[in-house]
Amino acid sequence: MQGFIKPNRKVNYGLDINRVTIGQEIVSHFNITVDESVHSLWSGLMPTSSYPENSREFAGILGFHEMFLPYGFLMNLTLSLGVENFAHSSLLHLEIRNALYLNPAFAGDTFSCVIKVKDINDTSNGNYSTVVSEHVLSNQKGEAVFSLERVTLFPRINVIHNQDSNGVEPLKNHHFKEKILARVRGISIENKIDDFNEGDLLLHPFVRPVGKSENLFWATYFKNTHPIHYNYQRYKPGEIIISGGIVLSMVLGISGREFRQLLLPQVDKAFHVVPVVAEDRVGAFSYIKNSTHLMPGFEEIEVRTFGLRNVDTEPELSDADFPLELFNGLQRPADVERILEEKCPALKGKICLVADWKALRKVE
């Protein structure tokens, strides 16, 4: 047989914006079994300040047979298992909300994910649509172990049918938090603890790049289908973007070191300001919003952390004056850039992420 043939088939990825409905459920194409080697690789990439994520012995004292898989890892797995048949066709990842560790997850577990479209709204100019989706990660037993809400920008969507969402309440981690607090009561935790007060501002000394090889490994492991994260043939080295979940996990890991050992972190809201590319150096500074004593020896701290790109945080910012507006409000990236341009131009283009989060912490 002689002659030629042209490509005539193309596989489509992502949300089909011509058929999306409010209340629609999308099941990830993948089930992923996580082994101990992956846990070790993640711990070598991300600073981790969590007793049950670092110590099998401490997890055993709490009554669990193994260390927990890290919060940041599960958050990325929850996000990534929705890329191929949801997020691939999006234009921009706008925000993460209510990222909750719901039940303990361990190496050896197999995970699947279900995405539910909760709301769709047109942008103010009418050219695009924002989609609010709930992503729930479950183990092989059908137990929900992690959930989050994601706000994503898509080309304009004409909602063809507005089906009822069945009034399902958002998942909450109250039971898991209560279980951890009950089990940790009376356990001796030897650690130097610093006191932090509302209004304290911390410069975190740890600054670390996400390297090219690390980025490629995790983009592959997490089944990321968007070429901007790995295709060096299409994009120049300085154009390969680190996925938002990796950046958020790194910023949280960097900030957690100064708060010592933490239990059960929780991101309430996070959004990206400027992209981080492979080999960018990631740092952070944090503002203490509040602390609440939950029981003798333990508090819950509420923190706003800012991710930085290509700034050696402690030596470069030790004499800086930070606008108070950064620590109150802030709804979107434009708010951050406007404040920086007006009052702190040296940091314009340097703040890559804003995260409001909380965690349980020993205080004495």
Protein backbone atom coordinates (compact mmCIF):
# COMPACT_ATOMS: atom_id res chain seq x y z
CA MET A 1 0.00 0.00 0.00
CA GLN A 2 1.43 3.36 -1.05
CA GLY A 3 0.45 6.94 -0.45
CA PHE A 4 0.05 9.21 2.55
CA ILE A 5 -2.36 9.79 5.38
CA LYS A 6 -2.97 12.93 7.40
CA PRO A 7 -3.81 12.94 11.12
CA ASN A 8 -7.60 12.73 11.34
CA ARG A 9 -8.27 11.98 15.00
CA LYS A 10 -7.67 14.02 18.15
CA VAL A 11 -8.42 13.01 21.71
CA ASN A 12 -10.13 15.78 23.66
CA TYR A 13 -9.29 16.36 27.31
CA GLY A 14 -10.98 18.41 29.97
CA LEU A 15 -14.52 19.56 30.66
CA ASP A 16 -16.87 19.55 27.68
CA ILE A 17 -18.15 23.12 28.00
CA ASN A 18 -20.99 22.40 25.60
CA ARG A 19 -22.51 19.78 27.90
CA VAL A 20 -21.71 20.94 31.43
CA THR A 21 -24.50 21.24 34.01
CA ILE A 22 -24.66 22.43 37.59
CA GLY A 23 -24.75 19.33 39.77
CA GLN A 24 -22.89 17.24 37.19
CA GLU A 25 -20.57 14.59 38.61
CA ILE A 26 -17.35 13.67 36.84
CA VAL A 27 -15.45 10.53 37.81
CA SER A 28 -11.69 10.57 37.33
CA HIS A 29 -10.33 8.08 34.80
CA PHE A 30 -7.56 7.04 37.19
CA ASN A 31 -7.13 4.97 40.34
CA ILE A 32 -3.70 5.45 41.89
CA THR A 33 -2.05 3.23 44.50
CA VAL A 34 0.51 5.17 46.54
CA ASP A 35 3.48 3.27 47.94
CA GLU A 36 6.08 4.16 50.57
CA SER A 37 8.65 5.22 47.97
CA VAL A 38 6.34 7.98 46.77
CA HIS A 39 5.87 9.16 50.36
CA SER A 40 9.66 9.34 50.72
CA LEU A 41 10.09 11.24 47.46
CA TRP A 42 7.45 13.76 48.49
CA SER A 43 9.08 14.24 51.90
CA GLY A 44 12.37 14.91 50.13
CA LEU A 45 10.73 17.63 48.05
CA MET A 46 8.49 19.30 50.64
CA PRO A 47 9.43 20.45 54.14
CA THR A 48 7.00 18.70 56.51
CA SER A 49 6.24 19.88 60.06
CA SER A 50 3.68 17.35 61.16
CA TYR A 51 4.14 14.61 63.75
CA PRO A 52 1.87 11.98 62.19
CA GLU A 53 3.33 12.66 58.71
CA ASN A 54 6.93 12.27 59.95
CA SER A 55 6.85 9.59 62.63
CA ARG A 56 5.42 6.08 62.54
CA GLU A 57 5.90 5.90 66.31
CA PHE A 58 3.85 9.03 66.92
CA ALA A 59 1.15 7.84 64.54
CA GLY A 60 1.12 4.60 66.53
CA ILE A 61 0.70 6.51 69.80
CA LEU A 62 -2.34 8.14 68.21
CA GLY A 63 -3.68 4.67 67.42
CA PHE A 64 -2.89 4.49 63.70
CA HIS A 65 -0.87 1.71 62.10
CA GLU A 66 1.22 3.94 59.81
CA MET A 67 2.31 7.51 59.15
CA PHE A 68 -0.28 9.68 57.44
CA LEU A 69 0.30 10.54 53.82
CA PRO A 70 1.17 14.27 53.82
CA TYR A 71 -1.58 16.87 53.57
CA GLY A 72 0.07 18.62 50.59
CA PHE A 73 0.47 15.35 48.70
CA LEU A 74 -3.21 14.48 49.09
CA MET A 75 -4.20 17.99 48.07
CA ASN A 76 -2.19 17.64 44.85
CA LEU A 77 -3.55 14.16 44.19
CA THR A 78 -7.10 15.47 44.64
CA LEU A 79 -6.44 18.31 42.20
CA SER A 80 -4.54 16.25 39.66
CA LEU A 81 -7.02 13.40 39.33
CA GLY A 82 -9.44 15.95 37.94
CA VAL A 83 -7.11 17.36 35.28
CA GLU A 84 -7.68 14.98 32.37
CA ASN A 85 -11.46 15.13 32.30
CA PHE A 86 -12.04 18.49 33.98
CA ALA A 87 -9.30 21.12 34.33
CA HIS A 88 -7.35 20.49 31.11
CA SER A 89 -9.73 22.66 29.05
CA SER A 90 -9.69 25.53 31.57
CA LEU A 91 -7.95 28.86 31.07
CA LEU A 92 -6.83 29.67 34.61
CA HIS A 93 -6.85 28.15 38.07
CA LEU A 94 -8.24 30.95 40.25
CA GLU A 95 -8.64 29.69 43.79
CA ILE A 96 -8.66 26.75 46.20
CA ARG A 97 -11.07 26.74 49.14
CA ASN A 98 -11.69 24.51 52.14
CA ALA A 99 -8.98 21.93 51.51
CA LEU A 100 -9.73 19.38 54.23
CA TYR A 101 -8.05 16.20 55.46
CA LEU A 102 -11.12 14.09 56.30
CA ASN A 103 -9.77 10.67 57.30
CA PRO A 104 -6.27 9.24 57.65
CA ALA A 105 -4.65 8.03 54.43
CA PHE A 106 -1.66 5.73 54.28
CA ALA A 107 0.95 4.35 51.90
CA GLY A 108 -0.57 1.30 50.20
CA ASP A 109 -4.00 2.90 49.80
CA THR A 110 -5.59 3.24 46.37
CA PHE A 111 -7.29 6.55 45.58
CA SER A 112 -9.98 7.72 43.19
CA CYS A 113 -11.63 11.09 42.76
CA VAL A 114 -15.07 12.46 41.95
CA ILE A 115 -15.63 16.06 40.87
CA LYS A 116 -18.97 17.79 41.26
CA VAL A 117 -19.84 21.04 39.47
CA LYS A 118 -21.36 23.25 42.16
CA ASP A 119 -21.84 26.59 40.41
CA ILE A 120 -21.23 28.38 37.10
CA ASN A 121 -21.15 32.16 36.67
CA ASP A 122 -20.24 34.49 33.83
CA THR A 123 -17.42 36.95 34.42
CA SER A 124 -18.24 40.66 34.55
CA ASN A 125 -17.27 41.16 30.90
CA GLY A 126 -19.37 38.18 29.82
CA ASN A 127 -16.51 36.59 27.87
CA TYR A 128 -15.68 33.77 30.29
CA SER A 129 -17.23 31.61 32.99
CA THR A 130 -16.05 30.66 36.46
CA VAL A 131 -16.79 27.14 37.63
CA VAL A 132 -16.89 26.20 41.31
CA SER A 133 -16.26 22.48 41.70
CA GLU A 134 -15.96 20.15 44.66
CA HIS A 135 -13.27 17.46 44.42
CA VAL A 136 -13.47 14.46 46.76
CA LEU A 137 -10.66 11.90 47.05
CA SER A 138 -11.63 8.46 48.38
CA ASN A 139 -9.67 5.36 49.30
CA GLN A 140 -10.27 1.75 48.27
CA LYS A 141 -12.83 1.38 51.08
CA GLY A 142 -14.93 4.19 49.70
CA GLU A 143 -14.00 6.51 52.59
CA ALA A 144 -13.55 10.18 51.70
CA VAL A 145 -10.04 11.14 52.81
CA PHE A 146 -9.64 14.62 51.31
CA SER A 147 -11.86 17.26 49.77
CA LEU A 148 -11.49 20.76 48.37
CA GLU A 149 -13.33 23.35 46.34
CA ARG A 150 -11.72 24.75 43.22
CA VAL A 151 -12.61 27.92 41.33
CA THR A 152 -11.57 27.71 37.68
CA LEU A 153 -11.85 30.04 34.68
CA PHE A 154 -13.22 28.50 31.47
CA PRO A 155 -14.32 29.83 28.08
CA ARG A 156 -17.89 31.06 28.34
CA ILE A 157 -20.29 28.22 29.18
CA ASN A 158 -23.94 28.15 28.16
CA VAL A 159 -25.57 26.14 30.91
CA ILE A 160 -28.08 23.97 29.07
CA HIS A 161 -29.73 22.51 32.16
CA ASN A 162 -29.61 23.69 35.74
CA GLN A 163 -30.20 20.55 37.71
CA ASP A 164 -30.65 20.52 41.46
CA SER A 165 -27.54 19.83 43.49
CA ASN A 166 -29.58 17.73 45.96
CA GLY A 167 -28.71 20.09 48.79
CA VAL A 168 -25.59 18.10 49.75
CA GLU A 169 -23.72 19.78 52.59
CA PRO A 170 -20.00 20.49 52.06
CA LEU A 171 -17.75 17.91 53.67
CA LYS A 172 -16.21 18.99 56.97
CA ASN A 173 -13.30 17.58 58.94
CA HIS A 174 -14.75 18.21 62.41
CA HIS A 175 -14.87 14.50 63.27
CA PHE A 176 -11.26 13.92 62.26
CA LYS A 177 -10.12 17.00 64.20
CA GLU A 178 -12.04 15.85 67.29
CA LYS A 179 -10.53 12.37 66.96
CA ILE A 180 -6.98 13.76 66.77
CA LEU A 181 -7.53 16.10 69.72
CA ALA A 182 -8.97 13.28 71.82
CA ARG A 183 -6.07 10.96 71.05
CA VAL A 184 -3.33 13.55 71.51
CA ARG A 185 -4.62 14.62 74.92
CA GLY A 186 -2.07 13.67 77.55
CA ILE A 187 0.62 12.64 75.06
CA SER A 188 4.02 14.11 75.87
CA ILE A 189 5.46 16.00 72.89
CA GLU A 190 9.01 17.13 73.50
CA ASN A 191 9.70 20.17 71.36
CA LYS A 192 10.88 23.75 71.71
CA ILE A 193 7.76 25.85 71.22
CA ASP A 194 7.74 29.57 70.45
CA ASP A 195 4.76 31.71 71.38
CA PHE A 196 3.13 33.68 68.60
CA ASN A 197 0.62 36.45 69.01
CA GLU A 198 -2.01 37.98 66.78
CA GLY A 199 -0.33 40.51 64.49
CA ASP A 200 3.11 38.86 64.49
CA LEU A 201 4.89 38.86 61.12
CA LEU A 202 7.43 36.12 60.41
CA LEU A 203 10.03 35.96 57.66
CA HIS A 204 10.66 32.30 56.92
CA PRO A 205 14.36 31.63 56.24
CA PHE A 206 13.91 28.51 54.10
CA VAL A 207 14.06 29.23 50.34
CA ARG A 208 13.98 26.38 47.85
CA PRO A 209 13.57 25.92 44.10
CA VAL A 210 11.33 23.37 42.44
CA GLY A 211 13.82 21.92 39.98
CA LYS A 212 13.17 20.89 36.40
CA SER A 213 13.50 17.17 37.11
CA GLU A 214 11.33 17.41 40.22
CA ASN A 215 8.66 19.27 38.30
CA LEU A 216 8.71 16.73 35.48
CA PHE A 217 8.53 13.80 37.90
CA TRP A 218 5.48 15.11 39.76
CA ALA A 219 3.75 16.34 36.62
CA THR A 220 4.05 12.79 35.30
CA TYR A 221 3.15 11.06 38.55
CA PHE A 222 0.04 13.20 39.02
CA LYS A 223 -1.11 12.48 35.44
CA ASN A 224 -0.95 16.16 34.49
CA THR A 225 -1.98 16.51 30.85
CA HIS A 226 -1.38 20.24 30.32
CA PRO A 227 1.77 20.74 28.19
CA ILE A 228 2.74 24.01 29.89
CA HIS A 229 3.98 21.91 32.84
CA TYR A 230 6.33 19.61 30.90
CA ASN A 231 6.59 20.18 27.12
CA TYR A 232 10.06 21.67 26.57
CA GLN A 233 9.65 21.31 22.83
CA ARG A 234 6.75 23.75 22.79
CA TYR A 235 7.79 26.02 25.67
CA LYS A 236 11.14 27.55 26.53
CA PRO A 237 12.71 26.57 29.88
CA GLY A 238 11.59 29.83 31.52
CA GLU A 239 8.02 29.22 30.37
CA ILE A 240 7.45 25.82 32.02
CA ILE A 241 5.08 26.58 34.90
CA ILE A 242 4.99 24.71 38.20
CA SER A 243 1.44 23.54 38.93
CA GLY A 244 -0.44 25.57 41.51
CA GLY A 245 -0.85 22.72 43.96
CA ILE A 246 2.92 22.13 44.10
CA VAL A 247 3.56 25.84 44.72
CA LEU A 248 0.94 25.96 47.48
CA SER A 249 2.35 22.85 49.16
CA MET A 250 5.87 24.26 49.05
CA VAL A 251 4.79 27.59 50.55
CA LEU A 252 2.90 25.82 53.35
CA GLY A 253 5.85 23.52 53.99
CA ILE A 254 8.27 26.43 54.20
CA SER A 255 6.04 28.36 56.60
CA GLY A 256 5.31 25.35 58.79
CA ARG A 257 8.93 25.03 59.95
CA GLU A 258 8.72 28.07 62.25
CA PHE A 259 5.49 26.84 63.86
CA ARG A 260 7.20 23.58 64.80
CA GLN A 261 5.23 20.37 64.77
CA LEU A 262 1.69 20.82 63.51
CA LEU A 263 -1.39 18.63 63.43
CA LEU A 264 -4.08 18.63 60.77
CA PRO A 265 -3.37 21.70 58.59
CA GLN A 266 -6.28 23.15 56.62
CA VAL A 267 -6.27 25.68 53.77
CA ASP A 268 -9.34 27.91 53.96
CA LYS A 269 -8.54 29.90 50.82
CA ALA A 270 -5.57 30.28 48.50
CA PHE A 271 -5.00 32.03 45.18
CA HIS A 272 -2.03 32.58 42.91
CA VAL A 273 -0.79 36.05 41.99
CA VAL A 274 2.01 35.42 39.47
CA PRO A 275 3.17 32.07 38.05
CA VAL A 276 6.20 30.18 39.32
CA VAL A 277 8.39 28.55 36.68
CA ALA A 278 10.79 25.65 37.01
CA GLU A 279 13.96 26.64 38.92
CA ASP A 280 12.32 29.69 40.53
CA ARG A 281 13.25 29.93 44.20
CA VAL A 282 10.23 29.78 46.50
CA GLY A 283 10.11 31.47 49.90
CA ALA A 284 7.44 32.81 52.25
CA PHE A 285 6.43 35.17 55.03
CA SER A 286 3.47 34.80 57.40
CA TYR A 287 1.11 36.96 59.41
CA ILE A 288 -0.60 35.56 62.50
CA LYS A 289 -4.31 36.33 62.22
CA ASN A 290 -5.52 34.58 65.35
CA SER A 291 -4.90 31.79 67.82
CA THR A 292 -7.52 29.88 69.80
CA HIS A 293 -6.79 27.60 72.76
CA LEU A 294 -8.75 24.40 72.20
CA MET A 295 -7.63 22.46 75.28
CA PRO A 296 -4.69 22.53 77.70
CA GLY A 297 -1.47 22.47 75.70
CA PHE A 298 -2.98 22.93 72.25
CA GLU A 299 -4.12 25.83 70.14
CA GLU A 300 -5.38 26.38 66.63
CA ILE A 301 -3.47 29.11 64.80
CA GLU A 302 -4.89 31.03 61.85
CA VAL A 303 -2.27 32.33 59.46
CA ARG A 304 -2.02 34.28 56.22
CA THR A 305 1.09 33.20 54.33
CA PHE A 306 2.51 34.88 51.24
CA GLY A 307 4.57 32.85 48.80
CA LEU A 308 7.58 34.59 47.29
CA ARG A 309 9.51 33.90 44.11
CA ASN A 310 13.23 34.61 43.76
CA VAL A 311 13.62 36.49 47.05
CA ASP A 312 16.07 35.52 49.82
CA THR A 313 13.44 36.26 52.42
CA GLU A 314 15.29 36.99 55.68
CA PRO A 315 18.24 39.10 54.46
CA GLU A 316 16.30 40.92 51.73
CA LEU A 317 13.14 41.74 53.68
CA SER A 318 14.35 42.19 57.27
CA ASP A 319 14.00 46.00 57.03
CA ALA A 320 10.98 46.08 54.73
CA ASP A 321 7.74 47.91 55.57
CA PHE A 322 4.72 45.80 54.65
CA PRO A 323 1.41 47.56 53.92
CA LEU A 324 -1.26 46.63 56.45
CA GLU A 325 -3.73 46.22 53.59
CA LEU A 326 -1.97 42.96 52.68
CA PHE A 327 -3.18 41.36 55.89
CA ASN A 328 -6.84 42.33 55.70
CA GLY A 329 -9.23 41.41 52.93
CA LEU A 330 -7.66 40.59 49.56
CA GLN A 331 -10.06 38.81 47.26
CA ARG A 332 -8.07 38.39 44.07
CA PRO A 333 -4.59 38.78 42.56
CA ALA A 334 -5.34 42.29 41.27
CA ASP A 335 -5.81 43.46 44.88
CA VAL A 336 -2.31 42.29 45.79
CA GLU A 337 -0.65 43.82 42.75
CA ARG A 338 -2.46 47.14 43.26
CA ILE A 339 -1.35 47.41 46.90
CA LEU A 340 2.23 46.49 46.03
CA GLU A 341 2.40 48.95 43.15
CA GLU A 342 1.14 51.77 45.36
CA LYS A 343 2.93 51.03 48.62
CA CYS A 344 5.61 48.36 48.19
CA PRO A 345 6.84 48.35 44.57
CA ALA A 346 9.95 46.32 45.46
CA LEU A 347 7.71 43.26 45.93
CA LYS A 348 5.60 43.74 42.81
CA GLY A 349 5.84 40.56 40.77
CA LYS A 350 7.53 38.76 43.68
CA ILE A 351 4.49 37.60 45.66
CA CYS A 352 3.27 34.48 43.88
CA LEU A 353 0.57 33.20 46.23
CA VAL A 354 -1.67 34.16 49.15
CA ALA A 355 -2.91 31.40 51.48
CA ASP A 356 -5.18 31.61 54.51
CA TRP A 357 -4.75 28.45 56.55
CA LYS A 358 -4.95 27.03 60.03
CA ALA A 359 -3.49 24.13 62.01
CA LEU A 360 -3.49 22.54 65.43
CA ARG A 361 -0.32 23.24 67.40
CA LYS A 362 1.18 22.36 70.77
CA VAL A 363 1.86 25.43 72.89
CA GLU A 364 3.47 24.10 76.06
